Amino acid sequence: MLSSVHKQQGSAAIILVFLLIPLFGAVFLALEGTRYIQKQSRLADASEAAALAITMANRGNKTNYEKKLATEYVQSYVRKIKDTPVLSVALSKGEDTVGSVIKSYVQYKVDVKTTHKSWFSSLLIPSFNPTESVINKAVARNYPEMPGDQFIDLVFVADFSGSMDSNWSSTSKTKLSVLKKNIISISETILKQDANRIAIVPFDRLTAYLDSDGKGNNIITCQGKLRPDSYFETIKKMMWARKHSYKTFTCPSPFHTIELTNDITKVKALNNMWTRRAGTASYEGIMKAAEILVQDEINLNPEKPEKEREKDKQKLKMILILSDGKDSDKRVMKNLVKPYDPSVVGMCERIKKRLPREGGKFFMAFIGIDFKASSQTSFKDCVGEDNVIDVRDVPMLISEIKKMMQKAVGTGGVSKLHYRHTN
């Protein structure tokens, strides 16, 4: 009898051992599983925050910046990672419908995997592997707040010198053809807002505008040829008048200024303009652009309703200079921007003081087309060092133009989380 009891106790012990294995396994899985669920949730938060941060910065994913930033976010959110997080950042572009408006966007997708050492791991008891990976991803989009959504008068000061007939390096397209295409493309976006206007000032050594011969006939008048001995006089008068204080003459120019307009068909007249294969004088284009904006303010129609007049006053006024090289005579720009007589305010400073009207904003920028404009002191002194951009490849041109306009408006766009993986 006693022997039978001992046998039963031995059997019970064996059964208990076998029962404890799944019991411990259930406990291990519950504890460890909860931990990994929390890791998954934290990684979801980290990938979301990283995607939004990268999208708000919107640097184009051309350096290691995005990956480094995402890694820092993951390491801050998720603790006790066994190895460095495995990360990838993908950039794409497209269009989306926001309300009733089709808007372009820049999208950043962050994929991340982290590895963790398990607390409980055994070959005998059901449990997790010694190390486990947690994977997550998030997608965010930046919808640029283009000046097409704002009130703006934008003057493109476009280089039409002879060098613009040469091909953009590594492409079969001329710099002038690329420039014209991009200006028209940007203008189409901006002019969707009726209150916005575009002007274009082509320049080489001169600028030109449509004029009248007094007999009802349209002629093209050129203006320019600033003499070195007339710098101070030019700066003081700043050429706010329709006729500059120096030489104007009738000329057979293949390009001319397009005055402020909301009509895209007038902007597209740019397609029929060509170079004269002459030199470069960017200051001529800058002064003509300032003249256009100032004259428009002077001639503000008093018969307009007060609300419309207020909108005109509060517009962003912007001059965007696009050129592929330094001026043929560097002395002129240098002396106009920083006169050697300290009592004379330089050309660009006078423009900034004169524009805009009360309540509005003014912004100037210089974009070098396949040219290192940032190395030119006069350009930096004129528009500000941060507002001089070098564009080396064709796809960058429209992107950098948009960035400068976003900067002028005062926003980098609206960033929104588009997708978060939480499984």
Protein backbone atom coordinates (compact mmCIF):
# COMPACT_ATOMS: atom_id res chain seq x y z
CA MET A 1 0.00 0.00 0.00
CA LEU A 2 2.78 2.35 1.00
CA SER A 3 4.64 1.48 -2.16
CA SER A 4 1.60 2.37 -4.22
CA VAL A 5 1.36 5.79 -2.55
CA HIS A 6 5.05 6.48 -3.31
CA LYS A 7 4.52 5.49 -6.90
CA GLN A 8 1.56 7.87 -7.17
CA GLN A 9 3.59 10.71 -5.63
CA GLY A 10 6.37 10.13 -8.15
CA SER A 11 3.93 10.16 -11.00
CA ALA A 12 2.36 13.40 -9.71
CA ALA A 13 5.77 15.02 -9.49
CA ILE A 14 6.53 14.12 -13.09
CA ILE A 15 3.14 15.40 -14.22
CA LEU A 16 3.69 18.61 -12.22
CA VAL A 17 7.06 19.17 -13.92
CA PHE A 18 5.47 18.75 -17.32
CA LEU A 19 2.67 21.11 -16.33
CA LEU A 20 5.13 23.73 -15.08
CA ILE A 21 6.91 23.88 -18.45
CA PRO A 22 3.92 25.37 -20.35
CA LEU A 23 2.99 27.39 -17.28
CA PHE A 24 6.40 29.01 -17.12
CA GLY A 25 6.27 29.35 -20.90
CA ALA A 26 2.97 31.20 -20.65
CA VAL A 27 4.41 33.50 -17.98
CA PHE A 28 7.56 34.15 -20.02
CA LEU A 29 5.59 34.79 -23.18
CA ALA A 30 3.17 37.10 -21.36
CA LEU A 31 5.94 39.16 -19.76
CA GLU A 32 8.21 39.23 -22.78
CA GLY A 33 5.32 39.66 -25.20
CA THR A 34 4.07 42.71 -23.28
CA ARG A 35 7.57 44.12 -23.39
CA TYR A 36 7.88 43.67 -27.15
CA ILE A 37 4.41 45.14 -27.72
CA GLN A 38 5.60 48.22 -25.82
CA LYS A 39 8.78 48.28 -27.92
CA GLN A 40 6.64 48.11 -31.05
CA SER A 41 4.50 51.02 -29.85
CA ARG A 42 7.54 53.11 -28.95
CA LEU A 43 9.12 52.35 -32.30
CA ALA A 44 5.91 53.47 -34.01
CA ASP A 45 6.12 56.78 -32.10
CA ALA A 46 9.81 57.10 -33.00
CA SER A 47 9.33 56.44 -36.72
CA GLU A 48 6.38 58.87 -36.78
CA ALA A 49 8.37 61.64 -35.06
CA ALA A 50 11.40 60.99 -37.28
CA ALA A 51 9.34 61.07 -40.48
CA LEU A 52 7.71 64.37 -39.48
CA ALA A 53 11.04 65.94 -38.46
CA ILE A 54 12.73 64.91 -41.70
CA THR A 55 9.78 66.14 -43.76
CA MET A 56 9.70 69.50 -42.01
CA ALA A 57 13.44 69.93 -42.64
CA ASN A 58 12.91 68.80 -46.27
CA ARG A 59 16.57 68.80 -47.29
CA GLY A 60 16.11 66.45 -50.23
CA ASN A 61 17.68 63.29 -48.74
CA LYS A 62 20.97 64.00 -50.53
CA THR A 63 23.25 63.65 -47.51
CA ASN A 64 23.36 61.49 -44.39
CA TYR A 65 21.37 64.12 -42.48
CA GLU A 66 17.99 62.33 -42.69
CA LYS A 67 19.33 58.95 -41.63
CA LYS A 68 21.28 60.44 -38.74
CA LEU A 69 18.27 62.43 -37.53
CA ALA A 70 15.99 59.37 -37.70
CA THR A 71 18.53 57.27 -35.80
CA GLU A 72 18.68 59.86 -33.02
CA TYR A 73 14.91 59.85 -32.71
CA VAL A 74 14.76 56.06 -32.53
CA GLN A 75 17.51 55.85 -29.93
CA SER A 76 15.76 58.50 -27.82
CA TYR A 77 12.36 56.79 -27.97
CA VAL A 78 13.37 53.13 -27.76
CA ARG A 79 15.67 52.02 -24.95
CA LYS A 80 18.05 49.06 -24.63
CA ILE A 81 18.60 48.46 -28.33
CA LYS A 82 21.16 45.69 -28.81
CA ASP A 83 22.69 47.08 -32.03
CA THR A 84 22.50 50.31 -34.02
CA PRO A 85 19.02 50.64 -35.60
CA VAL A 86 18.78 49.55 -39.22
CA LEU A 87 17.27 52.51 -41.06
CA SER A 88 16.29 53.62 -44.55
CA VAL A 89 14.79 56.93 -45.69
CA ALA A 90 13.08 57.13 -49.08
CA LEU A 91 12.11 60.36 -50.85
CA SER A 92 9.34 60.66 -53.44
CA LYS A 93 7.19 63.42 -54.95
CA GLY A 94 3.65 63.60 -56.23
CA GLU A 95 0.32 65.40 -56.11
CA ASP A 96 -2.57 65.05 -53.71
CA THR A 97 -6.03 66.60 -53.38
CA VAL A 98 -6.27 68.81 -50.30
CA GLY A 99 -9.86 69.93 -49.95
CA SER A 100 -10.74 70.89 -53.51
CA VAL A 101 -7.19 71.92 -54.46
CA ILE A 102 -4.56 69.72 -56.09
CA LYS A 103 -1.26 70.30 -54.32
CA SER A 104 2.19 68.93 -54.91
CA TYR A 105 3.97 67.22 -52.04
CA VAL A 106 7.35 65.87 -51.00
CA GLN A 107 7.10 62.54 -49.18
CA TYR A 108 9.59 60.89 -46.83
CA LYS A 109 9.22 57.25 -45.79
CA VAL A 110 11.17 55.96 -42.78
CA ASP A 111 11.67 52.19 -42.35
CA VAL A 112 13.36 51.08 -39.16
CA LYS A 113 14.32 47.84 -37.45
CA THR A 114 15.69 47.49 -33.92
CA THR A 115 17.14 44.37 -32.26
CA HIS A 116 16.66 43.53 -28.58
CA LYS A 117 17.97 40.90 -26.18
CA SER A 118 15.17 38.81 -24.71
CA TRP A 119 14.78 38.56 -20.94
CA PHE A 120 13.65 34.93 -21.02
CA SER A 121 14.99 32.54 -23.59
CA SER A 122 15.18 28.77 -23.25
CA LEU A 123 15.31 25.70 -25.45
CA LEU A 124 13.22 23.78 -22.92
CA ILE A 125 10.49 26.29 -22.12
CA PRO A 126 8.35 28.06 -24.78
CA SER A 127 9.86 31.55 -25.05
CA PHE A 128 11.23 34.13 -27.46
CA ASN A 129 14.53 33.80 -29.30
CA PRO A 130 17.66 35.11 -27.56
CA THR A 131 17.36 38.25 -29.72
CA GLU A 132 14.23 39.58 -31.44
CA SER A 133 13.74 42.30 -34.07
CA VAL A 134 11.03 44.94 -34.01
CA ILE A 135 10.10 46.57 -37.33
CA ASN A 136 8.07 49.69 -38.05
CA LYS A 137 7.63 52.44 -40.64
CA ALA A 138 5.97 55.82 -41.09
CA VAL A 139 5.31 58.15 -44.01
CA ALA A 140 4.98 61.94 -43.83
CA ARG A 141 4.31 64.51 -46.53
CA ASN A 142 5.22 68.16 -46.87
CA TYR A 143 2.79 70.34 -48.81
CA PRO A 144 4.74 73.49 -49.76
CA GLU A 145 2.94 76.75 -49.07
CA MET A 146 3.67 78.27 -52.45
CA PRO A 147 3.20 82.00 -53.05
CA GLY A 148 0.37 80.87 -55.32
CA ASP A 149 -1.57 80.65 -52.02
CA GLN A 150 -0.42 84.12 -50.96
CA PHE A 151 -0.59 87.66 -52.36
CA ILE A 152 2.65 88.35 -54.22
CA ASP A 153 4.21 90.52 -56.91
CA LEU A 154 7.23 88.59 -58.16
CA VAL A 155 9.79 89.92 -60.64
CA PHE A 156 12.09 87.37 -62.30
CA VAL A 157 15.34 89.03 -63.33
CA ALA A 158 16.46 86.59 -66.03
CA ASP A 159 19.92 86.37 -67.59
CA PHE A 160 19.73 86.60 -71.41
CA SER A 161 23.47 87.06 -71.97
CA GLY A 162 25.28 85.09 -74.67
CA SER A 163 26.53 82.41 -72.28
CA MET A 164 22.94 81.31 -71.65
CA ASP A 165 22.94 79.82 -75.17
CA SER A 166 25.45 77.19 -74.06
CA ASN A 167 24.29 73.80 -72.82
CA TRP A 168 23.82 73.11 -69.15
CA SER A 169 26.72 70.90 -68.15
CA SER A 170 25.97 67.18 -68.69
CA THR A 171 22.72 67.92 -70.57
CA SER A 172 21.77 68.62 -74.17
CA LYS A 173 19.54 71.55 -73.20
CA THR A 174 20.61 75.18 -73.19
CA LYS A 175 20.56 77.07 -69.93
CA LEU A 176 18.18 79.60 -71.46
CA SER A 177 15.63 76.96 -72.53
CA VAL A 178 15.67 75.41 -69.04
CA LEU A 179 15.31 78.82 -67.41
CA LYS A 180 12.35 79.85 -69.58
CA LYS A 181 10.56 76.54 -69.00
CA ASN A 182 10.96 76.77 -65.22
CA ILE A 183 9.87 80.41 -64.98
CA ILE A 184 6.69 79.63 -66.92
CA SER A 185 6.02 76.52 -64.82
CA ILE A 186 6.36 78.43 -61.53
CA SER A 187 4.27 81.30 -62.90
CA GLU A 188 1.41 78.95 -63.75
CA THR A 189 1.25 77.92 -60.09
CA ILE A 190 1.49 81.43 -58.70
CA LEU A 191 -1.07 82.94 -61.06
CA LYS A 192 -3.77 80.50 -59.95
CA GLN A 193 -4.40 83.15 -57.30
CA ASP A 194 -5.99 86.12 -59.09
CA ALA A 195 -4.38 88.72 -56.83
CA ASN A 196 -0.85 87.56 -57.69
CA ARG A 197 1.24 89.00 -60.50
CA ILE A 198 4.44 88.16 -62.32
CA ALA A 199 6.92 90.40 -64.15
CA ILE A 200 10.00 89.27 -66.08
CA VAL A 201 13.06 91.40 -66.75
CA PRO A 202 15.43 89.78 -69.27
CA PHE A 203 18.88 91.38 -69.29
CA ASP A 204 22.31 91.14 -70.87
CA ARG A 205 24.34 94.34 -70.82
CA LEU A 206 21.05 96.18 -71.23
CA THR A 207 17.36 95.80 -70.48
CA ALA A 208 14.56 96.54 -72.93
CA TYR A 209 10.88 97.43 -72.73
CA LEU A 210 7.95 97.94 -75.08
CA ASP A 211 7.46 101.64 -75.79
CA SER A 212 5.55 103.87 -78.16
CA ASP A 213 6.99 106.08 -80.90
CA GLY A 214 4.27 108.64 -80.27
CA LYS A 215 2.47 107.71 -83.47
CA GLY A 216 0.64 104.68 -82.15
CA ASN A 217 3.39 102.22 -83.06
CA ASN A 218 5.08 99.89 -80.58
CA ILE A 219 8.86 99.99 -80.48
CA ILE A 220 11.45 98.40 -78.22
CA THR A 221 13.52 100.77 -76.14
CA CYS A 222 16.80 99.65 -74.60
CA GLN A 223 18.25 101.21 -71.50
CA GLY A 224 21.59 100.79 -69.84
CA LYS A 225 25.28 101.44 -70.42
CA LEU A 226 25.92 102.85 -66.98
CA ARG A 227 29.12 104.90 -66.97
CA PRO A 228 31.66 104.33 -64.17
CA ASP A 229 31.62 108.06 -63.32
CA SER A 230 27.86 108.05 -62.71
CA TYR A 231 27.56 105.47 -59.89
CA PHE A 232 26.60 107.92 -57.17
CA GLU A 233 24.15 109.81 -59.36
CA THR A 234 22.51 106.55 -60.34
CA ILE A 235 22.20 105.39 -56.73
CA LYS A 236 20.79 108.70 -55.54
CA LYS A 237 18.10 108.81 -58.20
CA MET A 238 17.63 105.01 -58.03
CA MET A 239 15.86 105.20 -61.36
CA TRP A 240 12.34 105.14 -59.96
CA ALA A 241 11.20 107.07 -63.04
CA ARG A 242 10.01 105.31 -66.17
CA LYS A 243 13.02 106.68 -68.06
CA HIS A 244 16.36 105.98 -66.43
CA SER A 245 18.74 108.83 -65.74
CA TYR A 246 21.09 107.44 -68.34
CA LYS A 247 20.99 106.34 -71.95
CA THR A 248 17.81 105.00 -73.57
CA PHE A 249 17.55 104.27 -77.28
CA THR A 250 15.51 102.33 -79.82
CA CYS A 251 17.01 98.92 -80.48
CA PRO A 252 16.19 95.63 -82.26
CA SER A 253 16.21 93.59 -79.05
CA PRO A 254 15.02 89.95 -79.27
CA PHE A 255 13.76 90.24 -75.68
CA HIS A 256 11.88 92.80 -73.63
CA THR A 257 10.45 93.28 -70.14
CA ILE A 258 7.08 91.71 -69.36
CA GLU A 259 5.35 94.11 -66.98
CA LEU A 260 3.42 92.92 -63.91
CA THR A 261 0.57 90.72 -65.08
CA ASN A 262 -1.81 88.00 -63.95
CA ASP A 263 -2.20 86.76 -67.53
CA ILE A 264 -0.19 83.55 -68.10
CA THR A 265 -0.38 84.03 -71.89
CA LYS A 266 1.67 87.22 -71.50
CA VAL A 267 4.21 85.34 -69.39
CA LYS A 268 4.46 82.66 -72.09
CA ALA A 269 5.68 85.33 -74.51
CA LEU A 270 9.01 84.50 -72.88
CA ASN A 271 9.16 81.44 -75.15
CA ASN A 272 9.65 83.73 -78.16
CA MET A 273 12.56 85.68 -76.70
CA TRP A 274 16.24 85.00 -77.38
CA THR A 275 19.67 86.31 -76.53
CA ARG A 276 21.67 88.93 -78.45
CA ARG A 277 24.88 87.06 -77.51
CA ALA A 278 26.02 90.04 -75.47
CA GLY A 279 27.72 90.39 -72.07
CA THR A 280 26.23 90.41 -68.56
CA ALA A 281 25.13 93.29 -66.32
CA SER A 282 22.90 91.92 -63.57
CA TYR A 283 22.63 95.36 -61.93
CA GLU A 284 20.67 96.56 -64.97
CA GLY A 285 18.07 93.87 -64.39
CA ILE A 286 17.93 94.54 -60.64
CA MET A 287 17.37 98.27 -61.12
CA LYS A 288 14.69 97.66 -63.74
CA ALA A 289 12.91 95.19 -61.40
CA ALA A 290 12.95 97.76 -58.57
CA GLU A 291 11.63 100.40 -60.96
CA ILE A 292 8.69 98.16 -61.91
CA LEU A 293 7.71 97.50 -58.29
CA VAL A 294 8.09 101.13 -57.18
CA GLN A 295 6.19 102.51 -60.18
CA ASP A 296 3.37 100.09 -59.47
CA GLU A 297 3.10 101.40 -55.92
CA ILE A 298 3.20 105.00 -57.10
CA ASN A 299 0.47 104.30 -59.62
CA LEU A 300 -1.76 102.39 -57.20
CA ASN A 301 -5.25 102.99 -58.54
CA PRO A 302 -7.10 105.28 -56.10
CA GLU A 303 -10.43 104.17 -57.57
CA LYS A 304 -9.96 100.60 -56.37
CA PRO A 305 -12.09 99.51 -53.39
CA GLU A 306 -10.28 100.08 -50.10
CA LYS A 307 -10.03 96.33 -49.36
CA GLU A 308 -8.28 95.69 -52.68
CA ARG A 309 -5.96 98.64 -52.11
CA GLU A 310 -5.04 97.21 -48.70
CA LYS A 311 -4.29 93.81 -50.28
CA ASP A 312 -2.00 95.52 -52.79
CA LYS A 313 -0.17 97.33 -50.00
CA GLN A 314 0.32 94.14 -47.98
CA LYS A 315 1.60 92.01 -50.84
CA LEU A 316 4.93 90.30 -50.71
CA LYS A 317 7.22 92.05 -53.17
CA MET A 318 10.00 89.79 -54.43
CA ILE A 319 12.92 90.11 -56.84
CA LEU A 320 14.50 86.80 -57.89
CA ILE A 321 17.71 87.12 -59.94
CA LEU A 322 18.75 84.13 -62.07
CA SER A 323 22.12 84.26 -63.81
CA ASP A 324 24.83 81.90 -65.06
CA GLY A 325 27.85 84.09 -64.42
CA LYS A 326 29.44 87.16 -62.94
CA ASP A 327 29.01 90.54 -64.56
CA SER A 328 31.23 91.44 -67.48
CA ASP A 329 32.46 94.47 -65.52
CA LYS A 330 32.58 93.48 -61.85
CA ARG A 331 33.52 97.02 -60.78
CA VAL A 332 30.06 98.38 -61.53
CA MET A 333 28.11 96.00 -59.28
CA LYS A 334 30.71 96.34 -56.56
CA ASN A 335 30.51 100.14 -56.54
CA LEU A 336 26.72 100.16 -56.74
CA VAL A 337 26.28 97.74 -53.85
CA LYS A 338 29.05 99.13 -51.62
CA PRO A 339 29.94 102.70 -52.65
CA TYR A 340 33.38 103.82 -51.55
CA ASP A 341 31.75 107.02 -50.30
CA PRO A 342 30.29 105.96 -46.90
CA SER A 343 27.71 108.77 -47.05
CA VAL A 344 26.01 107.10 -50.04
CA VAL A 345 23.56 104.24 -49.39
CA GLY A 346 24.16 101.34 -51.77
CA MET A 347 21.80 100.26 -54.55
CA CYS A 348 20.39 97.15 -52.86
CA GLU A 349 19.97 98.86 -49.51
CA ARG A 350 18.04 101.68 -51.17
CA ILE A 351 15.76 99.14 -52.82
CA LYS A 352 15.13 97.38 -49.49
CA LYS A 353 14.36 100.71 -47.80
CA ARG A 354 12.01 101.78 -50.59
CA LEU A 355 10.09 98.50 -50.83
CA PRO A 356 7.52 97.50 -49.81
CA ARG A 357 4.64 99.68 -48.71
CA GLU A 358 3.61 99.70 -45.06
CA GLY A 359 2.23 96.33 -44.00
CA GLY A 360 3.93 94.38 -46.78
CA LYS A 361 7.16 92.42 -47.13
CA PHE A 362 10.12 92.54 -49.50
CA PHE A 363 12.58 89.79 -50.39
CA MET A 364 15.51 89.44 -52.78
CA ALA A 365 17.42 86.29 -53.77
CA PHE A 366 20.07 85.27 -56.30
CA ILE A 367 20.21 81.83 -57.94
CA GLY A 368 23.36 80.85 -59.81
CA ILE A 369 22.54 78.72 -62.87
CA ASP A 370 25.28 76.11 -63.24
CA PHE A 371 27.48 78.74 -61.60
CA LYS A 372 28.93 79.29 -58.13
CA ALA A 373 27.19 82.58 -57.34
CA SER A 374 27.94 82.09 -53.63
CA SER A 375 31.58 82.96 -54.30
CA GLN A 376 30.66 86.44 -55.57
CA THR A 377 30.91 89.00 -52.76
CA SER A 378 28.75 91.62 -54.50
CA PHE A 379 25.82 89.21 -54.86
CA LYS A 380 26.03 88.25 -51.18
CA ASP A 381 26.29 91.89 -50.13
CA CYS A 382 23.22 92.70 -52.23
CA VAL A 383 20.69 90.02 -51.26
CA GLY A 384 22.29 88.48 -48.17
CA GLU A 385 24.61 85.47 -47.95
CA ASP A 386 21.81 83.05 -47.07
CA ASN A 387 19.82 84.13 -50.12
CA VAL A 388 22.46 83.20 -52.70
CA ILE A 389 21.98 79.65 -54.01
CA ASP A 390 24.14 77.62 -56.42
CA VAL A 391 22.23 75.28 -58.73
CA ARG A 392 24.39 72.67 -60.44
CA ASP A 393 21.85 70.32 -62.01
CA VAL A 394 18.61 70.91 -63.91
CA PRO A 395 16.17 69.22 -61.47
CA MET A 396 17.47 71.45 -58.69
CA LEU A 397 16.47 74.68 -60.43
CA ILE A 398 12.71 74.60 -59.92
CA SER A 399 13.21 73.10 -56.46
CA GLU A 400 15.49 75.95 -55.35
CA ILE A 401 13.21 78.59 -56.87
CA LYS A 402 10.35 77.14 -54.81
CA LYS A 403 12.50 77.08 -51.67
CA MET A 404 13.41 80.74 -52.08
CA MET A 405 9.75 81.64 -52.53
CA GLN A 406 8.82 79.59 -49.47
CA LYS A 407 11.49 81.43 -47.55
CA ALA A 408 10.13 84.76 -48.77
CA VAL A 409 6.61 83.81 -47.70
CA GLY A 410 8.03 82.76 -44.35
CA THR A 411 7.12 79.08 -44.25
CA GLY A 412 8.66 75.77 -45.15
CA GLY A 413 5.25 74.31 -45.90
CA VAL A 414 2.78 72.16 -43.98
CA SER A 415 3.98 68.70 -42.92
CA LYS A 416 1.48 65.96 -42.15
CA LEU A 417 1.75 62.33 -41.09
CA HIS A 418 0.43 60.28 -43.98
CA TYR A 419 0.87 56.69 -42.75
CA ARG A 420 1.82 54.99 -39.50
CA HIS A 421 2.31 51.26 -39.21
CA THR A 422 1.21 50.01 -35.79
CA ASN A 423 0.87 46.25 -36.25
